[in-house]
Amino acid sequence: MADQSSIDPNNFGVFAAQLGLDQTSFESCVQDQATQPVVERDFEEGQRLRIDATPYLFVNGRRVSGAVDYQFLHDVVAAELAKAESAKPASPAPAAH
């Protein structure tokens, strides 16, 4: 991830080798088009949802795009939990006898 300019399909074999993957299995997987419809469907869904980065999270419908630090994500979750709690209807008081 440090060198984004090197991310190119021509370099995938190099990355696989650096990761110690079995080259034959890796190349076979890359050449196999069986999962292409799934990838295309997911890509189209991402486009439809306007997802512009990875990771991409939805926290109670709130969009969180890209890598964020722990404190930011904690604050988003805490804010959404507080909002959900305040939106709950009040419990009725017990009936007096």
C-alpha atoms as a PDB file:
ATOM      1  CA  MET A   1       0.000   0.000   0.000  1.00  0.00           C
ATOM      2  CA  ALA A   2       2.986   2.296   0.407  1.00  0.00           C
ATOM      3  CA  ASP A   3       3.561   2.505  -3.352  1.00  0.00           C
ATOM      4  CA  GLN A   4       0.161   2.966  -4.979  1.00  0.00           C
ATOM      5  CA  SER A   5       1.758   3.688  -8.358  1.00  0.00           C
ATOM      6  CA  SER A   6       2.962   0.062  -8.546  1.00  0.00           C
ATOM      7  CA  ILE A   7      -0.570  -1.347  -8.322  1.00  0.00           C
ATOM      8  CA  ASP A   8      -1.013  -2.614 -11.845  1.00  0.00           C
ATOM      9  CA  PRO A   9      -2.241  -5.991 -13.132  1.00  0.00           C
ATOM     10  CA  ASN A  10       1.206  -6.532 -14.661  1.00  0.00           C
ATOM     11  CA  ASN A  11       2.667  -6.536 -11.136  1.00  0.00           C
ATOM     12  CA  PHE A  12       0.177  -8.941  -9.518  1.00  0.00           C
ATOM     13  CA  GLY A  13       2.497 -11.914 -10.085  1.00  0.00           C
ATOM     14  CA  VAL A  14       5.322 -10.035  -8.351  1.00  0.00           C
ATOM     15  CA  PHE A  15       3.063  -9.264  -5.384  1.00  0.00           C
ATOM     16  CA  ALA A  16       1.956 -12.907  -5.213  1.00  0.00           C
ATOM     17  CA  ALA A  17       5.589 -14.030  -5.145  1.00  0.00           C
ATOM     18  CA  GLN A  18       6.445 -11.493  -2.419  1.00  0.00           C
ATOM     19  CA  LEU A  19       3.560 -12.888  -0.351  1.00  0.00           C
ATOM     20  CA  GLY A  20       4.807 -16.436  -0.862  1.00  0.00           C
ATOM     21  CA  LEU A  21       1.717 -17.574  -2.774  1.00  0.00           C
ATOM     22  CA  ASP A  22       1.836 -20.650  -4.974  1.00  0.00           C
ATOM     23  CA  GLN A  23       2.486 -19.072  -8.394  1.00  0.00           C
ATOM     24  CA  THR A  24       0.724 -21.795 -10.380  1.00  0.00           C
ATOM     25  CA  SER A  25      -2.440 -21.587  -8.270  1.00  0.00           C
ATOM     26  CA  PHE A  26      -2.341 -17.796  -8.322  1.00  0.00           C
ATOM     27  CA  GLU A  27      -2.016 -17.589 -12.108  1.00  0.00           C
ATOM     28  CA  SER A  28      -4.774 -20.179 -12.550  1.00  0.00           C
ATOM     29  CA  CYS A  29      -7.070 -18.150 -10.296  1.00  0.00           C
ATOM     30  CA  VAL A  30      -6.286 -14.904 -12.151  1.00  0.00           C
ATOM     31  CA  GLN A  31      -7.001 -16.518 -15.522  1.00  0.00           C
ATOM     32  CA  ASP A  32     -10.238 -18.184 -14.351  1.00  0.00           C
ATOM     33  CA  GLN A  33     -13.174 -15.929 -15.226  1.00  0.00           C
ATOM     34  CA  ALA A  34     -15.707 -17.837 -13.080  1.00  0.00           C
ATOM     35  CA  THR A  35     -15.956 -15.071 -10.484  1.00  0.00           C
ATOM     36  CA  GLN A  36     -16.024 -12.172 -12.950  1.00  0.00           C
ATOM     37  CA  PRO A  37     -19.850 -11.810 -12.854  1.00  0.00           C
ATOM     38  CA  VAL A  38     -19.720 -11.591  -9.047  1.00  0.00           C
ATOM     39  CA  VAL A  39     -16.988  -8.958  -9.161  1.00  0.00           C
ATOM     40  CA  GLU A  40     -18.881  -6.959 -11.794  1.00  0.00           C
ATOM     41  CA  ARG A  41     -22.119  -7.154  -9.779  1.00  0.00           C
ATOM     42  CA  ASP A  42     -20.341  -5.948  -6.640  1.00  0.00           C
ATOM     43  CA  PHE A  43     -18.611  -3.154  -8.571  1.00  0.00           C
ATOM     44  CA  GLU A  44     -21.923  -1.983 -10.047  1.00  0.00           C
ATOM     45  CA  GLU A  45     -23.528  -2.038  -6.601  1.00  0.00           C
ATOM     46  CA  GLY A  46     -20.656   0.050  -5.244  1.00  0.00           C
ATOM     47  CA  GLN A  47     -21.145   2.550  -8.044  1.00  0.00           C
ATOM     48  CA  ARG A  48     -24.893   2.691  -7.389  1.00  0.00           C
ATOM     49  CA  LEU A  49     -24.272   3.310  -3.662  1.00  0.00           C
ATOM     50  CA  ARG A  50     -21.618   5.948  -4.478  1.00  0.00           C
ATOM     51  CA  ILE A  51     -18.920   4.041  -2.597  1.00  0.00           C
ATOM     52  CA  ASP A  52     -15.724   5.902  -3.337  1.00  0.00           C
ATOM     53  CA  ALA A  53     -13.078   4.237  -1.166  1.00  0.00           C
ATOM     54  CA  THR A  54     -12.155   1.182   0.830  1.00  0.00           C
ATOM     55  CA  PRO A  55     -12.824   0.453   3.526  1.00  0.00           C
ATOM     56  CA  TYR A  56     -16.342   1.858   3.420  1.00  0.00           C
ATOM     57  CA  LEU A  57     -18.692   1.483   6.358  1.00  0.00           C
ATOM     58  CA  PHE A  58     -22.296   2.279   7.083  1.00  0.00           C
ATOM     59  CA  VAL A  59     -22.903   3.040  10.743  1.00  0.00           C
ATOM     60  CA  ASN A  60     -26.653   3.258  11.266  1.00  0.00           C
ATOM     61  CA  GLY A  61     -26.957   4.605   7.730  1.00  0.00           C
ATOM     62  CA  ARG A  62     -24.124   7.114   8.205  1.00  0.00           C
ATOM     63  CA  ARG A  63     -21.395   6.777   5.602  1.00  0.00           C
ATOM     64  CA  VAL A  64     -17.775   6.429   6.710  1.00  0.00           C
ATOM     65  CA  SER A  65     -15.432   6.485   3.719  1.00  0.00           C
ATOM     66  CA  GLY A  66     -11.814   5.375   3.667  1.00  0.00           C
ATOM     67  CA  ALA A  67      -9.378   4.538   6.425  1.00  0.00           C
ATOM     68  CA  VAL A  68     -10.213   6.378   9.632  1.00  0.00           C
ATOM     69  CA  ASP A  69      -8.540   6.255  13.010  1.00  0.00           C
ATOM     70  CA  TYR A  70     -10.007   4.439  15.982  1.00  0.00           C
ATOM     71  CA  GLN A  71     -11.112   7.600  17.802  1.00  0.00           C
ATOM     72  CA  PHE A  72     -13.056   8.894  14.799  1.00  0.00           C
ATOM     73  CA  LEU A  73     -14.854   5.577  14.331  1.00  0.00           C
ATOM     74  CA  HIS A  74     -15.527   5.337  18.074  1.00  0.00           C
ATOM     75  CA  ASP A  75     -17.046   8.829  18.050  1.00  0.00           C
ATOM     76  CA  VAL A  76     -19.246   8.020  15.027  1.00  0.00           C
ATOM     77  CA  VAL A  77     -20.553   4.834  16.661  1.00  0.00           C
ATOM     78  CA  ALA A  78     -21.111   6.607  20.000  1.00  0.00           C
ATOM     79  CA  ALA A  79     -22.994   9.450  18.300  1.00  0.00           C
ATOM     80  CA  GLU A  80     -25.211   7.040  16.366  1.00  0.00           C
ATOM     81  CA  LEU A  81     -25.939   5.003  19.506  1.00  0.00           C
ATOM     82  CA  ALA A  82     -26.874   8.182  21.386  1.00  0.00           C
ATOM     83  CA  LYS A  83     -29.092   9.310  18.518  1.00  0.00           C
ATOM     84  CA  ALA A  84     -30.828   5.920  18.412  1.00  0.00           C
ATOM     85  CA  GLU A  85     -31.315   5.920  22.180  1.00  0.00           C
ATOM     86  CA  SER A  86     -32.852   9.409  22.151  1.00  0.00           C
ATOM     87  CA  ALA A  87     -35.214   8.391  19.346  1.00  0.00           C
ATOM     88  CA  LYS A  88     -36.707   5.525  21.363  1.00  0.00           C
ATOM     89  CA  PRO A  89     -40.212   6.222  22.629  1.00  0.00           C
ATOM     90  CA  ALA A  90     -40.418   6.656  26.378  1.00  0.00           C
ATOM     91  CA  SER A  91     -41.619   3.623  28.277  1.00  0.00           C
ATOM     92  CA  PRO A  92     -45.072   4.122  29.714  1.00  0.00           C
ATOM     93  CA  ALA A  93     -45.211   4.627  33.475  1.00  0.00           C
ATOM     94  CA  PRO A  94     -46.540   1.669  35.409  1.00  0.00           C
ATOM     95  CA  ALA A  95     -50.270   1.929  36.091  1.00  0.00           C
ATOM     96  CA  ALA A  96     -51.203   2.955  39.620  1.00  0.00           C
ATOM     97  CA  HIS A  97     -53.523   0.589  41.456  1.00  0.00           C
END
